[in-house]
Amino acid sequence: MGLILLVMRIGVHESKMYHAAKEADSNNNSIQRGNFFALFTDRTRFIKYVRCTFIGLPTWFMIGILIQRTASHFGPALNIQGPLVSSKAVALSYAGASIGDLLSGLLS
């Protein structure tokens, strides 16, 4: 499948917007690309970075903390019998979220 995607990628042309940005970048050598510390040199850029990081916090908390700890912490505390596997809990939560998103989109 990866090779098929690679072959399909050969026929795709870059957009005019990409070429315009590349041309502007080559004319202006003051733009630094790949500089990680540039995130921290400008206040507005840093605030955007922090906000983008905080967007993912609820997902990380739900999946990374609550759902992954079902087998080791919440299952025994709630007296749930049977094998509890964290990976299965994560897979089922994503499946439920996908189905719920699809149904809510169709119903709205």
N, C-alpha and C. Protein backbone atom coordinates (compact mmCIF):
# COMPACT_ATOMS: atom_id res chain seq x y z
N MET A 1 0.83 -1.19 0.00
CA MET A 1 0.00 0.00 0.00
C MET A 1 0.87 1.25 0.00
N GLY A 2 1.99 1.18 0.72
CA GLY A 2 2.89 2.33 0.76
C GLY A 2 3.48 2.63 -0.59
N LEU A 3 3.83 1.59 -1.33
CA LEU A 3 4.38 1.80 -2.67
C LEU A 3 3.33 2.38 -3.61
N ILE A 4 2.10 1.93 -3.47
CA ILE A 4 1.01 2.48 -4.29
C ILE A 4 0.83 3.96 -4.00
N LEU A 5 0.86 4.34 -2.72
CA LEU A 5 0.74 5.75 -2.37
C LEU A 5 1.90 6.57 -2.92
N LEU A 6 3.09 5.98 -2.91
CA LEU A 6 4.26 6.67 -3.45
C LEU A 6 4.11 6.90 -4.94
N VAL A 7 3.64 5.89 -5.66
CA VAL A 7 3.44 6.04 -7.10
C VAL A 7 2.35 7.05 -7.38
N MET A 8 1.28 7.04 -6.59
CA MET A 8 0.20 8.01 -6.78
C MET A 8 0.68 9.43 -6.50
N ARG A 9 1.61 9.58 -5.58
CA ARG A 9 2.12 10.91 -5.20
C ARG A 9 2.90 11.54 -6.34
N ILE A 10 3.48 10.72 -7.21
CA ILE A 10 4.28 11.25 -8.33
C ILE A 10 3.41 12.09 -9.25
N GLY A 11 2.16 11.72 -9.45
CA GLY A 11 1.28 12.43 -10.35
C GLY A 11 0.63 13.66 -9.75
N VAL A 12 0.84 13.93 -8.47
CA VAL A 12 0.20 15.07 -7.82
C VAL A 12 1.09 16.30 -7.98
N HIS A 13 0.50 17.39 -8.40
CA HIS A 13 1.23 18.63 -8.58
C HIS A 13 1.03 19.53 -7.36
N GLU A 14 2.04 20.30 -7.04
CA GLU A 14 1.95 21.23 -5.91
C GLU A 14 1.02 22.39 -6.28
N SER A 15 0.37 22.95 -5.25
CA SER A 15 -0.56 24.03 -5.50
C SER A 15 0.18 25.33 -5.79
N LYS A 16 -0.56 26.27 -6.36
CA LYS A 16 0.02 27.57 -6.67
C LYS A 16 0.41 28.31 -5.39
N MET A 17 -0.35 28.09 -4.32
CA MET A 17 -0.05 28.73 -3.05
C MET A 17 1.29 28.25 -2.51
N TYR A 18 1.59 26.95 -2.66
CA TYR A 18 2.87 26.41 -2.21
C TYR A 18 4.02 27.03 -3.02
N HIS A 19 3.83 27.12 -4.33
CA HIS A 19 4.89 27.71 -5.16
C HIS A 19 5.09 29.18 -4.84
N ALA A 20 4.01 29.90 -4.55
CA ALA A 20 4.13 31.31 -4.19
C ALA A 20 4.87 31.47 -2.87
N ALA A 21 4.58 30.60 -1.90
CA ALA A 21 5.28 30.68 -0.61
C ALA A 21 6.74 30.30 -0.77
N LYS A 22 7.03 29.33 -1.61
CA LYS A 22 8.41 28.92 -1.85
C LYS A 22 9.19 30.04 -2.54
N GLU A 23 8.54 30.71 -3.48
CA GLU A 23 9.18 31.83 -4.18
C GLU A 23 9.44 32.99 -3.22
N ALA A 24 8.48 33.29 -2.35
CA ALA A 24 8.67 34.37 -1.37
C ALA A 24 9.78 34.01 -0.39
N ASP A 25 9.90 32.74 -0.05
CA ASP A 25 10.93 32.29 0.87
C ASP A 25 12.31 32.41 0.24
N SER A 26 12.42 32.08 -1.05
CA SER A 26 13.73 32.16 -1.70
C SER A 26 14.16 33.62 -1.92
N ASN A 27 13.20 34.53 -2.04
CA ASN A 27 13.54 35.96 -2.21
C ASN A 27 13.90 36.61 -0.89
N ASN A 28 13.39 36.10 0.21
CA ASN A 28 13.61 36.70 1.53
C ASN A 28 14.39 35.69 2.38
N ASN A 29 15.67 35.90 2.53
CA ASN A 29 16.51 34.95 3.25
C ASN A 29 16.45 35.14 4.76
N SER A 30 15.66 36.09 5.26
CA SER A 30 15.60 36.32 6.70
C SER A 30 14.68 35.33 7.41
N ILE A 31 13.90 34.54 6.65
CA ILE A 31 13.00 33.56 7.24
C ILE A 31 13.80 32.33 7.64
N GLN A 32 13.73 31.98 8.93
CA GLN A 32 14.43 30.80 9.42
C GLN A 32 13.47 29.62 9.43
N ARG A 33 13.89 28.54 8.81
CA ARG A 33 13.06 27.34 8.77
C ARG A 33 13.69 26.28 9.65
N GLY A 34 12.85 25.60 10.44
CA GLY A 34 13.32 24.51 11.27
C GLY A 34 13.96 24.94 12.57
N ASN A 35 13.80 26.18 12.96
CA ASN A 35 14.38 26.67 14.21
C ASN A 35 13.36 26.48 15.33
N PHE A 36 13.58 25.48 16.17
CA PHE A 36 12.65 25.17 17.26
C PHE A 36 12.57 26.31 18.26
N PHE A 37 13.68 26.97 18.52
CA PHE A 37 13.70 28.03 19.53
C PHE A 37 12.98 29.29 19.08
N ALA A 38 12.60 29.36 17.79
CA ALA A 38 11.83 30.50 17.31
C ALA A 38 10.45 30.54 17.95
N LEU A 39 9.98 29.40 18.47
CA LEU A 39 8.68 29.39 19.17
C LEU A 39 8.71 30.26 20.42
N PHE A 40 9.88 30.41 21.01
CA PHE A 40 9.98 31.08 22.29
C PHE A 40 10.52 32.50 22.19
N THR A 41 10.84 32.97 20.98
CA THR A 41 11.42 34.30 20.84
C THR A 41 10.36 35.39 20.67
N ASP A 42 9.19 35.03 20.19
CA ASP A 42 8.11 36.00 19.96
C ASP A 42 6.94 35.66 20.89
N ARG A 43 6.43 36.65 21.58
CA ARG A 43 5.37 36.42 22.57
C ARG A 43 4.09 35.88 21.93
N THR A 44 3.65 36.47 20.82
CA THR A 44 2.41 36.00 20.19
C THR A 44 2.57 34.59 19.63
N ARG A 45 3.73 34.28 19.09
CA ARG A 45 3.98 32.93 18.58
C ARG A 45 3.99 31.92 19.72
N PHE A 46 4.56 32.28 20.85
CA PHE A 46 4.59 31.38 22.00
C PHE A 46 3.18 31.15 22.55
N ILE A 47 2.37 32.19 22.59
CA ILE A 47 0.99 32.04 23.08
C ILE A 47 0.21 31.12 22.15
N LYS A 48 0.40 31.24 20.84
CA LYS A 48 -0.26 30.33 19.90
C LYS A 48 0.19 28.90 20.12
N TYR A 49 1.47 28.71 20.37
CA TYR A 49 2.02 27.38 20.62
C TYR A 49 1.40 26.75 21.88
N VAL A 50 1.30 27.54 22.93
CA VAL A 50 0.72 27.04 24.18
C VAL A 50 -0.76 26.73 24.00
N ARG A 51 -1.48 27.58 23.29
CA ARG A 51 -2.90 27.32 23.04
C ARG A 51 -3.11 26.05 22.24
N CYS A 52 -2.29 25.84 21.22
CA CYS A 52 -2.40 24.61 20.42
C CYS A 52 -2.10 23.38 21.26
N THR A 53 -1.17 23.51 22.19
CA THR A 53 -0.87 22.41 23.09
C THR A 53 -2.04 22.12 24.01
N PHE A 54 -2.67 23.16 24.52
CA PHE A 54 -3.80 22.98 25.44
C PHE A 54 -5.03 22.42 24.74
N ILE A 55 -5.13 22.56 23.41
CA ILE A 55 -6.26 21.98 22.69
C ILE A 55 -6.28 20.47 22.85
N GLY A 56 -5.10 19.85 22.87
CA GLY A 56 -5.01 18.41 22.98
C GLY A 56 -5.10 17.88 24.39
N LEU A 57 -5.13 18.74 25.38
CA LEU A 57 -5.15 18.30 26.77
C LEU A 57 -6.37 17.45 27.14
N PRO A 58 -7.59 17.81 26.75
CA PRO A 58 -8.74 16.96 27.12
C PRO A 58 -8.65 15.55 26.53
N THR A 59 -8.20 15.44 25.29
CA THR A 59 -8.05 14.13 24.68
C THR A 59 -6.98 13.32 25.39
N TRP A 60 -5.86 13.95 25.69
CA TRP A 60 -4.79 13.27 26.40
C TRP A 60 -5.27 12.79 27.76
N PHE A 61 -6.03 13.62 28.46
CA PHE A 61 -6.51 13.23 29.79
C PHE A 61 -7.45 12.04 29.70
N MET A 62 -8.39 12.10 28.77
CA MET A 62 -9.37 11.01 28.66
C MET A 62 -8.71 9.70 28.23
N ILE A 63 -7.93 9.75 27.16
CA ILE A 63 -7.33 8.52 26.64
C ILE A 63 -6.10 8.13 27.44
N GLY A 64 -5.22 9.08 27.67
CA GLY A 64 -3.95 8.78 28.30
C GLY A 64 -4.03 8.48 29.78
N ILE A 65 -4.99 9.05 30.47
CA ILE A 65 -5.07 8.85 31.91
C ILE A 65 -6.25 7.94 32.27
N LEU A 66 -7.45 8.37 31.96
CA LEU A 66 -8.63 7.64 32.44
C LEU A 66 -8.79 6.27 31.79
N ILE A 67 -8.75 6.22 30.47
CA ILE A 67 -9.04 4.96 29.78
C ILE A 67 -7.90 3.96 29.93
N GLN A 68 -6.66 4.44 29.85
CA GLN A 68 -5.54 3.50 29.98
C GLN A 68 -5.40 2.95 31.40
N ARG A 69 -5.95 3.60 32.36
CA ARG A 69 -5.85 3.11 33.74
C ARG A 69 -7.05 2.28 34.16
N THR A 70 -7.90 1.93 33.21
CA THR A 70 -9.07 1.11 33.57
C THR A 70 -8.66 -0.25 34.09
N ALA A 71 -7.67 -0.86 33.45
CA ALA A 71 -7.28 -2.22 33.84
C ALA A 71 -6.58 -2.25 35.19
N SER A 72 -5.72 -1.29 35.44
CA SER A 72 -4.91 -1.38 36.65
C SER A 72 -5.54 -0.70 37.86
N HIS A 73 -6.34 0.33 37.66
CA HIS A 73 -6.86 1.08 38.82
C HIS A 73 -8.38 1.03 38.96
N PHE A 74 -9.09 1.40 37.90
CA PHE A 74 -10.54 1.55 38.02
C PHE A 74 -11.27 0.21 38.06
N GLY A 75 -10.78 -0.76 37.29
CA GLY A 75 -11.44 -2.08 37.28
C GLY A 75 -11.49 -2.72 38.65
N PRO A 76 -10.36 -2.89 39.33
CA PRO A 76 -10.40 -3.48 40.67
C PRO A 76 -11.16 -2.62 41.68
N ALA A 77 -11.09 -1.31 41.53
CA ALA A 77 -11.79 -0.44 42.47
C ALA A 77 -13.31 -0.56 42.33
N LEU A 78 -13.77 -0.86 41.11
CA LEU A 78 -15.21 -1.02 40.87
C LEU A 78 -15.65 -2.48 40.93
N ASN A 79 -14.75 -3.37 41.38
CA ASN A 79 -15.03 -4.81 41.49
C ASN A 79 -15.49 -5.43 40.18
N ILE A 80 -14.85 -5.05 39.08
CA ILE A 80 -15.16 -5.63 37.78
C ILE A 80 -14.36 -6.90 37.61
N GLN A 81 -15.06 -7.99 37.32
CA GLN A 81 -14.42 -9.29 37.15
C GLN A 81 -14.05 -9.49 35.69
N GLY A 82 -13.04 -10.29 35.45
CA GLY A 82 -12.64 -10.61 34.08
C GLY A 82 -11.38 -9.88 33.69
N PRO A 83 -10.82 -10.28 32.57
CA PRO A 83 -9.57 -9.64 32.12
C PRO A 83 -9.83 -8.24 31.57
N LEU A 84 -9.13 -7.29 32.09
CA LEU A 84 -9.22 -5.91 31.60
C LEU A 84 -7.89 -5.56 30.94
N VAL A 85 -7.94 -5.18 29.69
CA VAL A 85 -6.74 -4.87 28.93
C VAL A 85 -6.81 -3.41 28.50
N SER A 86 -5.76 -2.67 28.77
CA SER A 86 -5.76 -1.23 28.46
C SER A 86 -5.90 -0.98 26.97
N SER A 87 -5.20 -1.77 26.15
CA SER A 87 -5.26 -1.54 24.70
C SER A 87 -6.67 -1.77 24.16
N LYS A 88 -7.36 -2.75 24.70
CA LYS A 88 -8.74 -3.00 24.27
C LYS A 88 -9.66 -1.86 24.71
N ALA A 89 -9.41 -1.32 25.89
CA ALA A 89 -10.21 -0.19 26.38
C ALA A 89 -10.01 1.04 25.49
N VAL A 90 -8.77 1.29 25.08
CA VAL A 90 -8.49 2.44 24.19
C VAL A 90 -9.16 2.23 22.84
N ALA A 91 -9.04 1.01 22.29
CA ALA A 91 -9.65 0.72 20.99
C ALA A 91 -11.17 0.87 21.05
N LEU A 92 -11.78 0.37 22.10
CA LEU A 92 -13.24 0.49 22.24
C LEU A 92 -13.68 1.94 22.44
N SER A 93 -12.88 2.72 23.15
CA SER A 93 -13.25 4.13 23.36
C SER A 93 -13.18 4.90 22.05
N TYR A 94 -12.15 4.63 21.24
CA TYR A 94 -12.07 5.29 19.93
C TYR A 94 -13.18 4.82 19.01
N ALA A 95 -13.52 3.54 19.05
CA ALA A 95 -14.63 3.03 18.23
C ALA A 95 -15.94 3.70 18.65
N GLY A 96 -16.16 3.81 19.96
CA GLY A 96 -17.37 4.47 20.44
C GLY A 96 -17.41 5.94 20.07
N ALA A 97 -16.27 6.62 20.16
CA ALA A 97 -16.23 8.03 19.77
C ALA A 97 -16.49 8.20 18.28
N SER A 98 -15.96 7.30 17.47
CA SER A 98 -16.18 7.39 16.01
C SER A 98 -17.64 7.16 15.66
N ILE A 99 -18.22 6.14 16.26
CA ILE A 99 -19.63 5.86 15.99
C ILE A 99 -20.50 7.00 16.50
N GLY A 100 -20.20 7.52 17.67
CA GLY A 100 -20.97 8.64 18.22
C GLY A 100 -20.85 9.89 17.37
N ASP A 101 -19.64 10.18 16.87
CA ASP A 101 -19.47 11.33 15.99
C ASP A 101 -20.26 11.16 14.70
N LEU A 102 -20.20 9.96 14.14
CA LEU A 102 -20.92 9.70 12.89
C LEU A 102 -22.43 9.84 13.09
N LEU A 103 -22.94 9.24 14.16
CA LEU A 103 -24.40 9.31 14.42
C LEU A 103 -24.85 10.73 14.74
N SER A 104 -24.06 11.45 15.52
CA SER A 104 -24.48 12.82 15.85
C SER A 104 -24.43 13.71 14.62
N GLY A 105 -23.48 13.45 13.72
CA GLY A 105 -23.43 14.21 12.48
C GLY A 105 -24.59 13.90 11.58
N LEU A 106 -24.96 12.64 11.51
CA LEU A 106 -26.10 12.25 10.67
C LEU A 106 -27.42 12.77 11.24
N LEU A 107 -27.54 12.75 12.55
CA LEU A 107 -28.79 13.21 13.17
C LEU A 107 -28.93 14.72 13.15
N SER A 108 -27.82 15.43 13.12
CA SER A 108 -27.92 16.90 13.10
C SER A 108 -28.01 17.35 11.68
